[in-house]
Amino acid sequence: MTEATERDLIDAARDVQSAAHVPYSEYAVGAALETADGEVFVGCNLENANFSNSLHAEEVAIAEAVKTGHREFARLAVSSSRRDGVTPCGMCRQTLAEFCDDGLVVLCDEGEGEEPTEYTLGELLPNTITQETLE
């Protein structure tokens, strides 16, 4: 597979927002996760009246990738319907850290005509809890 461009990943994250279920917040989020071999998995947020049972876009994307056997990831793009540079929340950062190293590139959509803000997972979640810290 060929590597997706930054624009491809942002567009995929934007496109999947149309499938989001957000009747409470009306804040649609899409995520596009690129595997090390170039395959892209997308996810959107799915709200529940009991907010703690809601699924976040990043979690849905990584679940789709992991269930098909992927364990190595290169980049993640995140976009909200507001194009406000949303980053993964703390819970999603920890989920990503379970499967991705500190160097995972995270692209955050800043809107039309703007370059995405780029972070690494290590910048967003320093000193994460890992299997090694639990041993």
C-alpha atoms as a PDB file:
ATOM      1  CA  MET A   1       0.000   0.000   0.000  1.00  0.00           C
ATOM      2  CA  THR A   2       1.119   3.547  -0.539  1.00  0.00           C
ATOM      3  CA  GLU A   3       1.478   6.032   2.256  1.00  0.00           C
ATOM      4  CA  ALA A   4      -1.398   8.490   2.584  1.00  0.00           C
ATOM      5  CA  THR A   5      -0.604  12.187   2.410  1.00  0.00           C
ATOM      6  CA  GLU A   6      -1.414  14.484   5.341  1.00  0.00           C
ATOM      7  CA  ARG A   7      -4.316  15.831   3.281  1.00  0.00           C
ATOM      8  CA  ASP A   8      -5.609  12.284   2.637  1.00  0.00           C
ATOM      9  CA  LEU A   9      -5.639  11.555   6.368  1.00  0.00           C
ATOM     10  CA  ILE A  10      -7.314  14.843   7.297  1.00  0.00           C
ATOM     11  CA  ASP A  11      -9.912  14.328   4.545  1.00  0.00           C
ATOM     12  CA  ALA A  12     -10.625  10.794   5.766  1.00  0.00           C
ATOM     13  CA  ALA A  13     -11.085  12.100   9.321  1.00  0.00           C
ATOM     14  CA  ARG A  14     -13.428  14.794   8.035  1.00  0.00           C
ATOM     15  CA  ASP A  15     -15.413  12.421   5.838  1.00  0.00           C
ATOM     16  CA  VAL A  16     -16.186   9.922   8.601  1.00  0.00           C
ATOM     17  CA  GLN A  17     -17.686  12.676  10.786  1.00  0.00           C
ATOM     18  CA  SER A  18     -20.907  12.307   8.812  1.00  0.00           C
ATOM     19  CA  ALA A  19     -21.401   8.902  10.468  1.00  0.00           C
ATOM     20  CA  ALA A  20     -20.938  10.270  14.010  1.00  0.00           C
ATOM     21  CA  HIS A  21     -23.798   9.880  16.497  1.00  0.00           C
ATOM     22  CA  VAL A  22     -23.675  13.119  18.515  1.00  0.00           C
ATOM     23  CA  PRO A  23     -27.217  14.055  19.613  1.00  0.00           C
ATOM     24  CA  TYR A  24     -26.045  15.542  22.924  1.00  0.00           C
ATOM     25  CA  SER A  25     -22.912  17.544  22.195  1.00  0.00           C
ATOM     26  CA  GLU A  26     -23.412  18.055  18.447  1.00  0.00           C
ATOM     27  CA  TYR A  27     -19.591  17.855  18.297  1.00  0.00           C
ATOM     28  CA  ALA A  28     -18.694  15.345  15.588  1.00  0.00           C
ATOM     29  CA  VAL A  29     -15.150  14.004  15.614  1.00  0.00           C
ATOM     30  CA  GLY A  30     -13.456  11.822  13.039  1.00  0.00           C
ATOM     31  CA  ALA A  31     -10.145  10.016  13.204  1.00  0.00           C
ATOM     32  CA  ALA A  32      -8.029   8.369  10.523  1.00  0.00           C
ATOM     33  CA  LEU A  33      -5.296   6.006  11.716  1.00  0.00           C
ATOM     34  CA  GLU A  34      -2.582   4.940   9.285  1.00  0.00           C
ATOM     35  CA  THR A  35      -0.868   1.622   9.871  1.00  0.00           C
ATOM     36  CA  ALA A  36       2.849   1.117   9.358  1.00  0.00           C
ATOM     37  CA  ASP A  37       2.083  -0.567   6.027  1.00  0.00           C
ATOM     38  CA  GLY A  38      -0.089   2.318   4.784  1.00  0.00           C
ATOM     39  CA  GLU A  39      -3.623   1.051   5.412  1.00  0.00           C
ATOM     40  CA  VAL A  40      -6.013   3.647   6.857  1.00  0.00           C
ATOM     41  CA  PHE A  41      -8.751   2.914   9.398  1.00  0.00           C
ATOM     42  CA  VAL A  42     -11.341   5.523  10.344  1.00  0.00           C
ATOM     43  CA  GLY A  43     -13.578   6.055  13.327  1.00  0.00           C
ATOM     44  CA  CYS A  44     -16.123   8.575  14.547  1.00  0.00           C
ATOM     45  CA  ASN A  45     -17.533   9.390  17.958  1.00  0.00           C
ATOM     46  CA  LEU A  46     -20.675   7.623  19.115  1.00  0.00           C
ATOM     47  CA  GLU A  47     -22.383   9.329  22.044  1.00  0.00           C
ATOM     48  CA  ASN A  48     -24.590   7.631  24.577  1.00  0.00           C
ATOM     49  CA  ALA A  49     -27.035   9.263  27.007  1.00  0.00           C
ATOM     50  CA  ASN A  50     -24.787   7.837  29.735  1.00  0.00           C
ATOM     51  CA  PHE A  51     -21.757   9.844  28.593  1.00  0.00           C
ATOM     52  CA  SER A  52     -19.242   7.443  30.148  1.00  0.00           C
ATOM     53  CA  ASN A  53     -20.366   4.792  27.652  1.00  0.00           C
ATOM     54  CA  SER A  54     -19.652   6.975  24.627  1.00  0.00           C
ATOM     55  CA  LEU A  55     -16.993   5.870  22.159  1.00  0.00           C
ATOM     56  CA  HIS A  56     -14.408   8.301  20.884  1.00  0.00           C
ATOM     57  CA  ALA A  57     -13.328   8.469  17.252  1.00  0.00           C
ATOM     58  CA  GLU A  58      -9.737   7.475  17.988  1.00  0.00           C
ATOM     59  CA  GLU A  59     -10.868   4.422  19.962  1.00  0.00           C
ATOM     60  CA  VAL A  60     -13.145   3.279  17.150  1.00  0.00           C
ATOM     61  CA  ALA A  61     -10.368   3.669  14.559  1.00  0.00           C
ATOM     62  CA  ILE A  62      -7.781   1.772  16.591  1.00  0.00           C
ATOM     63  CA  ALA A  63     -10.281  -0.968  17.431  1.00  0.00           C
ATOM     64  CA  GLU A  64     -10.977  -1.460  13.714  1.00  0.00           C
ATOM     65  CA  ALA A  65      -7.255  -1.699  12.985  1.00  0.00           C
ATOM     66  CA  VAL A  66      -6.397  -3.994  15.889  1.00  0.00           C
ATOM     67  CA  LYS A  67      -9.266  -6.394  15.198  1.00  0.00           C
ATOM     68  CA  THR A  68      -7.818  -6.979  11.721  1.00  0.00           C
ATOM     69  CA  GLY A  69      -4.379  -7.751  13.134  1.00  0.00           C
ATOM     70  CA  HIS A  70      -2.548  -4.445  12.886  1.00  0.00           C
ATOM     71  CA  ARG A  71      -0.193  -3.573  15.738  1.00  0.00           C
ATOM     72  CA  GLU A  72       2.126  -0.976  14.176  1.00  0.00           C
ATOM     73  CA  PHE A  73       0.964   2.541  13.397  1.00  0.00           C
ATOM     74  CA  ALA A  74       2.519   5.568  11.715  1.00  0.00           C
ATOM     75  CA  ARG A  75       0.101   8.506  11.943  1.00  0.00           C
ATOM     76  CA  LEU A  76      -3.265   9.607  13.237  1.00  0.00           C
ATOM     77  CA  ALA A  77      -5.357  12.515  11.946  1.00  0.00           C
ATOM     78  CA  VAL A  78      -8.098  13.977  14.125  1.00  0.00           C
ATOM     79  CA  SER A  79     -10.736  16.450  12.984  1.00  0.00           C
ATOM     80  CA  SER A  80     -13.851  17.933  14.544  1.00  0.00           C
ATOM     81  CA  SER A  81     -16.819  19.491  12.830  1.00  0.00           C
ATOM     82  CA  ARG A  82     -15.628  22.822  14.250  1.00  0.00           C
ATOM     83  CA  ARG A  83     -12.131  22.479  12.733  1.00  0.00           C
ATOM     84  CA  ASP A  84     -10.709  23.685  16.039  1.00  0.00           C
ATOM     85  CA  GLY A  85      -7.460  21.709  16.220  1.00  0.00           C
ATOM     86  CA  VAL A  86      -8.947  19.085  18.538  1.00  0.00           C
ATOM     87  CA  THR A  87      -6.415  16.658  20.020  1.00  0.00           C
ATOM     88  CA  PRO A  88      -7.127  13.185  21.371  1.00  0.00           C
ATOM     89  CA  CYS A  89      -8.384  13.291  24.964  1.00  0.00           C
ATOM     90  CA  GLY A  90      -6.389  11.720  27.796  1.00  0.00           C
ATOM     91  CA  MET A  91      -8.302   8.452  27.640  1.00  0.00           C
ATOM     92  CA  CYS A  92      -7.671   8.146  23.896  1.00  0.00           C
ATOM     93  CA  ARG A  93      -4.016   9.034  24.355  1.00  0.00           C
ATOM     94  CA  GLN A  94      -3.658   6.173  26.824  1.00  0.00           C
ATOM     95  CA  THR A  95      -5.447   3.779  24.450  1.00  0.00           C
ATOM     96  CA  LEU A  96      -3.134   4.846  21.630  1.00  0.00           C
ATOM     97  CA  ALA A  97      -0.112   4.347  23.910  1.00  0.00           C
ATOM     98  CA  GLU A  98      -1.126   0.708  24.375  1.00  0.00           C
ATOM     99  CA  PHE A  99      -0.509   0.068  20.675  1.00  0.00           C
ATOM    100  CA  CYS A 100       1.688   2.950  19.464  1.00  0.00           C
ATOM    101  CA  ASP A 101       5.084   4.227  20.462  1.00  0.00           C
ATOM    102  CA  ASP A 102       5.899   7.787  21.513  1.00  0.00           C
ATOM    103  CA  GLY A 103       6.783   8.676  17.932  1.00  0.00           C
ATOM    104  CA  LEU A 104       3.247   8.246  16.550  1.00  0.00           C
ATOM    105  CA  VAL A 105       2.522  11.426  14.580  1.00  0.00           C
ATOM    106  CA  VAL A 106      -0.798  13.066  15.511  1.00  0.00           C
ATOM    107  CA  LEU A 107      -2.198  15.570  12.985  1.00  0.00           C
ATOM    108  CA  CYS A 108      -4.867  17.953  14.298  1.00  0.00           C
ATOM    109  CA  ASP A 109      -7.148  19.676  11.794  1.00  0.00           C
ATOM    110  CA  GLU A 110      -7.041  23.476  12.052  1.00  0.00           C
ATOM    111  CA  GLY A 111      -9.473  24.115   9.190  1.00  0.00           C
ATOM    112  CA  GLU A 112      -9.492  24.989   5.503  1.00  0.00           C
ATOM    113  CA  GLY A 113      -6.335  26.618   4.237  1.00  0.00           C
ATOM    114  CA  GLU A 114      -4.461  25.881   7.472  1.00  0.00           C
ATOM    115  CA  GLU A 115      -1.730  23.334   7.960  1.00  0.00           C
ATOM    116  CA  PRO A 116      -2.608  20.725  10.588  1.00  0.00           C
ATOM    117  CA  THR A 117      -0.847  21.069  13.905  1.00  0.00           C
ATOM    118  CA  GLU A 118       1.512  18.141  14.360  1.00  0.00           C
ATOM    119  CA  TYR A 119       2.404  16.469  17.641  1.00  0.00           C
ATOM    120  CA  THR A 120       3.869  13.155  18.631  1.00  0.00           C
ATOM    121  CA  LEU A 121       2.060  10.890  21.049  1.00  0.00           C
ATOM    122  CA  GLY A 122       5.001  11.310  23.422  1.00  0.00           C
ATOM    123  CA  GLU A 123       4.469  15.082  23.454  1.00  0.00           C
ATOM    124  CA  LEU A 124       0.769  14.667  24.142  1.00  0.00           C
ATOM    125  CA  LEU A 125       1.227  11.963  26.785  1.00  0.00           C
ATOM    126  CA  PRO A 126       4.635  12.037  28.457  1.00  0.00           C
ATOM    127  CA  ASN A 127       5.487   9.399  31.077  1.00  0.00           C
ATOM    128  CA  THR A 128       2.593   7.183  30.060  1.00  0.00           C
ATOM    129  CA  ILE A 129       1.470   4.068  31.882  1.00  0.00           C
ATOM    130  CA  THR A 130       2.799   1.054  29.995  1.00  0.00           C
ATOM    131  CA  GLN A 131       3.135  -2.661  30.585  1.00  0.00           C
ATOM    132  CA  GLU A 132       6.669  -1.993  31.792  1.00  0.00           C
ATOM    133  CA  THR A 133       5.511   0.494  34.445  1.00  0.00           C
ATOM    134  CA  LEU A 134       3.047  -2.079  35.789  1.00  0.00           C
ATOM    135  CA  GLU A 135       5.719  -4.779  36.231  1.00  0.00           C
END
